[in-house]
């Protein structure tokens, strides 16, 4: 994408540095807010759910709010897993499909994409 920008030698590094800085600032704000919301670190670590973020959410809002936020987090994680897997799995296949050689096995990108996403999500839950 850098070749599509005017003055890429200056614009792209500035974009990378500013994005990193904004992310670092927002991460710091979130971390400080999270630490102030946890009344007891031991209770958060020993929570039956196994996820300290759910412990904090249960303290901060009613049960339906916690469920909604937890489902939203799971959906976002699944979408990011599918995006990462599609990038990894399909990157070389587009190059292979342009060549005139026959592949030894049929290419089934959607099947491999869904399988990889489910495997990565299952590994995250254990």
C-alpha atoms as a PDB file:
ATOM      1  CA  UNK A   1       0.000   0.000   0.000  1.00  0.00           C
ATOM      2  CA  UNK A   2       2.925   2.313   0.498  1.00  0.00           C
ATOM      3  CA  UNK A   3       3.304   2.828  -3.226  1.00  0.00           C
ATOM      4  CA  UNK A   4      -0.234   4.212  -3.449  1.00  0.00           C
ATOM      5  CA  UNK A   5       0.515   7.107  -1.071  1.00  0.00           C
ATOM      6  CA  UNK A   6       2.073  10.428  -1.962  1.00  0.00           C
ATOM      7  CA  UNK A   7       5.506  10.835  -0.420  1.00  0.00           C
ATOM      8  CA  UNK A   8       5.452   7.292   0.972  1.00  0.00           C
ATOM      9  CA  UNK A   9       8.886   7.592   2.563  1.00  0.00           C
ATOM     10  CA  UNK A  10       7.515  10.178   4.990  1.00  0.00           C
ATOM     11  CA  UNK A  11       3.806   9.349   5.208  1.00  0.00           C
ATOM     12  CA  UNK A  12       4.027   5.618   5.976  1.00  0.00           C
ATOM     13  CA  UNK A  13       6.513   5.876   8.879  1.00  0.00           C
ATOM     14  CA  UNK A  14       4.476   8.758  10.347  1.00  0.00           C
ATOM     15  CA  UNK A  15       1.317   6.652  10.091  1.00  0.00           C
ATOM     16  CA  UNK A  16       2.999   3.674  11.747  1.00  0.00           C
ATOM     17  CA  UNK A  17       4.423   5.744  14.595  1.00  0.00           C
ATOM     18  CA  UNK A  18       1.192   7.657  15.207  1.00  0.00           C
ATOM     19  CA  UNK A  19      -0.871   4.437  15.163  1.00  0.00           C
ATOM     20  CA  UNK A  20       1.517   2.806  17.618  1.00  0.00           C
ATOM     21  CA  UNK A  21       1.428   5.864  19.880  1.00  0.00           C
ATOM     22  CA  UNK A  22      -2.366   6.023  19.900  1.00  0.00           C
ATOM     23  CA  UNK A  23      -2.566   2.284  20.608  1.00  0.00           C
ATOM     24  CA  UNK A  24      -0.056   2.563  23.449  1.00  0.00           C
ATOM     25  CA  UNK A  25      -1.927   5.471  24.998  1.00  0.00           C
ATOM     26  CA  UNK A  26      -5.298   3.718  24.768  1.00  0.00           C
ATOM     27  CA  UNK A  27      -3.769   0.506  26.154  1.00  0.00           C
ATOM     28  CA  UNK A  28      -2.315   2.398  29.092  1.00  0.00           C
ATOM     29  CA  UNK A  29      -5.646   4.087  29.802  1.00  0.00           C
ATOM     30  CA  UNK A  30      -7.439   0.735  29.633  1.00  0.00           C
ATOM     31  CA  UNK A  31      -4.894  -0.964  31.888  1.00  0.00           C
ATOM     32  CA  UNK A  32      -5.077   1.781  34.528  1.00  0.00           C
ATOM     33  CA  UNK A  33      -8.889   1.724  34.408  1.00  0.00           C
ATOM     34  CA  UNK A  34      -8.910  -2.056  34.725  1.00  0.00           C
ATOM     35  CA  UNK A  35      -6.564  -2.012  37.712  1.00  0.00           C
ATOM     36  CA  UNK A  36      -8.708   0.575  39.496  1.00  0.00           C
ATOM     37  CA  UNK A  37     -11.845  -1.540  38.904  1.00  0.00           C
ATOM     38  CA  UNK A  38     -10.428  -4.691  40.507  1.00  0.00           C
ATOM     39  CA  UNK A  39     -11.081  -4.632  44.263  1.00  0.00           C
ATOM     40  CA  UNK A  40      -9.053  -7.784  44.908  1.00  0.00           C
ATOM     41  CA  UNK A  41      -6.457  -9.263  42.591  1.00  0.00           C
ATOM     42  CA  UNK A  42      -6.700 -12.647  44.324  1.00  0.00           C
ATOM     43  CA  UNK A  43     -10.471 -12.774  43.768  1.00  0.00           C
ATOM     44  CA  UNK A  44     -10.007 -11.871  40.110  1.00  0.00           C
ATOM     45  CA  UNK A  45      -7.391 -14.584  39.576  1.00  0.00           C
ATOM     46  CA  UNK A  46      -9.386 -17.227  41.462  1.00  0.00           C
ATOM     47  CA  UNK A  47     -12.692 -16.394  39.746  1.00  0.00           C
ATOM     48  CA  UNK A  48     -14.576 -19.556  38.694  1.00  0.00           C
ATOM     49  CA  UNK A  49     -14.835 -18.350  35.088  1.00  0.00           C
ATOM     50  CA  UNK A  50     -11.053 -18.291  34.761  1.00  0.00           C
ATOM     51  CA  UNK A  51     -11.115 -14.890  33.072  1.00  0.00           C
ATOM     52  CA  UNK A  52     -10.370 -11.815  35.222  1.00  0.00           C
ATOM     53  CA  UNK A  53     -12.072  -9.565  32.669  1.00  0.00           C
ATOM     54  CA  UNK A  54     -15.369 -11.342  33.307  1.00  0.00           C
ATOM     55  CA  UNK A  55     -14.891 -10.843  37.046  1.00  0.00           C
ATOM     56  CA  UNK A  56     -14.503  -7.100  36.543  1.00  0.00           C
ATOM     57  CA  UNK A  57     -17.461  -6.966  34.161  1.00  0.00           C
ATOM     58  CA  UNK A  58     -19.638  -8.809  36.701  1.00  0.00           C
ATOM     59  CA  UNK A  59     -18.750  -6.191  39.292  1.00  0.00           C
ATOM     60  CA  UNK A  60     -19.319  -3.280  36.931  1.00  0.00           C
ATOM     61  CA  UNK A  61     -22.678  -4.141  35.375  1.00  0.00           C
ATOM     62  CA  UNK A  62     -25.698  -6.415  35.676  1.00  0.00           C
ATOM     63  CA  UNK A  63     -25.637 -10.004  34.410  1.00  0.00           C
ATOM     64  CA  UNK A  64     -27.176  -9.268  31.005  1.00  0.00           C
ATOM     65  CA  UNK A  65     -24.571  -6.565  30.381  1.00  0.00           C
ATOM     66  CA  UNK A  66     -21.771  -8.956  31.238  1.00  0.00           C
ATOM     67  CA  UNK A  67     -23.211 -11.581  28.912  1.00  0.00           C
ATOM     68  CA  UNK A  68     -23.578  -9.081  26.060  1.00  0.00           C
ATOM     69  CA  UNK A  69     -20.010  -7.819  26.419  1.00  0.00           C
ATOM     70  CA  UNK A  70     -18.637 -11.380  26.724  1.00  0.00           C
ATOM     71  CA  UNK A  71     -20.497 -12.469  23.577  1.00  0.00           C
ATOM     72  CA  UNK A  72     -19.252  -9.367  21.759  1.00  0.00           C
ATOM     73  CA  UNK A  73     -15.665 -10.169  22.787  1.00  0.00           C
ATOM     74  CA  UNK A  74     -16.034 -13.765  21.585  1.00  0.00           C
ATOM     75  CA  UNK A  75     -17.486 -12.668  18.243  1.00  0.00           C
ATOM     76  CA  UNK A  76     -14.648 -10.165  17.743  1.00  0.00           C
ATOM     77  CA  UNK A  77     -12.061 -12.834  18.602  1.00  0.00           C
ATOM     78  CA  UNK A  78     -13.666 -15.232  16.119  1.00  0.00           C
ATOM     79  CA  UNK A  79     -13.694 -12.604  13.376  1.00  0.00           C
ATOM     80  CA  UNK A  80     -10.046 -11.776  14.016  1.00  0.00           C
ATOM     81  CA  UNK A  81      -9.152 -15.483  13.956  1.00  0.00           C
ATOM     82  CA  UNK A  82     -10.926 -15.952  10.628  1.00  0.00           C
ATOM     83  CA  UNK A  83      -9.139 -12.914   9.220  1.00  0.00           C
ATOM     84  CA  UNK A  84      -5.747 -14.108  10.409  1.00  0.00           C
ATOM     85  CA  UNK A  85      -6.320 -17.644   9.155  1.00  0.00           C
ATOM     86  CA  UNK A  86      -7.585 -16.487   5.774  1.00  0.00           C
ATOM     87  CA  UNK A  87      -4.542 -14.300   5.344  1.00  0.00           C
ATOM     88  CA  UNK A  88      -2.205 -17.136   6.283  1.00  0.00           C
ATOM     89  CA  UNK A  89      -3.972 -19.950   4.461  1.00  0.00           C
ATOM     90  CA  UNK A  90      -4.984 -18.243   1.245  1.00  0.00           C
ATOM     91  CA  UNK A  91      -1.940 -16.074   0.619  1.00  0.00           C
ATOM     92  CA  UNK A  92       0.055 -18.656  -1.320  1.00  0.00           C
ATOM     93  CA  UNK A  93      -2.948 -20.224  -2.978  1.00  0.00           C
ATOM     94  CA  UNK A  94      -3.717 -17.202  -5.115  1.00  0.00           C
ATOM     95  CA  UNK A  95      -0.204 -17.368  -6.531  1.00  0.00           C
ATOM     96  CA  UNK A  96      -0.538 -21.107  -7.136  1.00  0.00           C
ATOM     97  CA  UNK A  97      -3.871 -20.701  -8.893  1.00  0.00           C
ATOM     98  CA  UNK A  98      -2.362 -18.261 -11.389  1.00  0.00           C
ATOM     99  CA  UNK A  99       0.225 -20.770 -12.490  1.00  0.00           C
ATOM    100  CA  UNK A 100      -0.703 -23.274 -15.160  1.00  0.00           C
ATOM    101  CA  UNK A 101       0.448 -26.284 -13.158  1.00  0.00           C
ATOM    102  CA  UNK A 102      -2.102 -28.625 -11.673  1.00  0.00           C
ATOM    103  CA  UNK A 103      -2.278 -28.869  -7.918  1.00  0.00           C
ATOM    104  CA  UNK A 104      -1.946 -32.348  -6.416  1.00  0.00           C
ATOM    105  CA  UNK A 105      -4.998 -31.742  -4.215  1.00  0.00           C
ATOM    106  CA  UNK A 106      -8.076 -29.638  -4.872  1.00  0.00           C
ATOM    107  CA  UNK A 107      -7.969 -26.231  -3.220  1.00  0.00           C
ATOM    108  CA  UNK A 108     -10.846 -25.723  -0.805  1.00  0.00           C
ATOM    109  CA  UNK A 109     -10.135 -22.352   0.795  1.00  0.00           C
ATOM    110  CA  UNK A 110     -13.418 -21.909   2.644  1.00  0.00           C
ATOM    111  CA  UNK A 111     -13.230 -25.330   4.240  1.00  0.00           C
ATOM    112  CA  UNK A 112      -9.646 -24.875   5.391  1.00  0.00           C
ATOM    113  CA  UNK A 113     -10.432 -21.354   6.575  1.00  0.00           C
ATOM    114  CA  UNK A 114     -13.339 -22.443   8.773  1.00  0.00           C
ATOM    115  CA  UNK A 115     -11.427 -25.450  10.075  1.00  0.00           C
ATOM    116  CA  UNK A 116      -8.402 -23.346  11.003  1.00  0.00           C
ATOM    117  CA  UNK A 117     -10.589 -20.730  12.698  1.00  0.00           C
ATOM    118  CA  UNK A 118     -12.406 -23.380  14.734  1.00  0.00           C
ATOM    119  CA  UNK A 119      -9.141 -25.036  15.746  1.00  0.00           C
ATOM    120  CA  UNK A 120      -7.581 -21.748  16.815  1.00  0.00           C
ATOM    121  CA  UNK A 121     -10.731 -20.762  18.740  1.00  0.00           C
ATOM    122  CA  UNK A 122     -10.880 -24.178  20.457  1.00  0.00           C
ATOM    123  CA  UNK A 123      -7.232 -23.840  21.444  1.00  0.00           C
ATOM    124  CA  UNK A 124      -7.935 -20.417  22.900  1.00  0.00           C
ATOM    125  CA  UNK A 125     -10.761 -21.756  25.094  1.00  0.00           C
ATOM    126  CA  UNK A 126      -8.740 -24.500  26.745  1.00  0.00           C
END
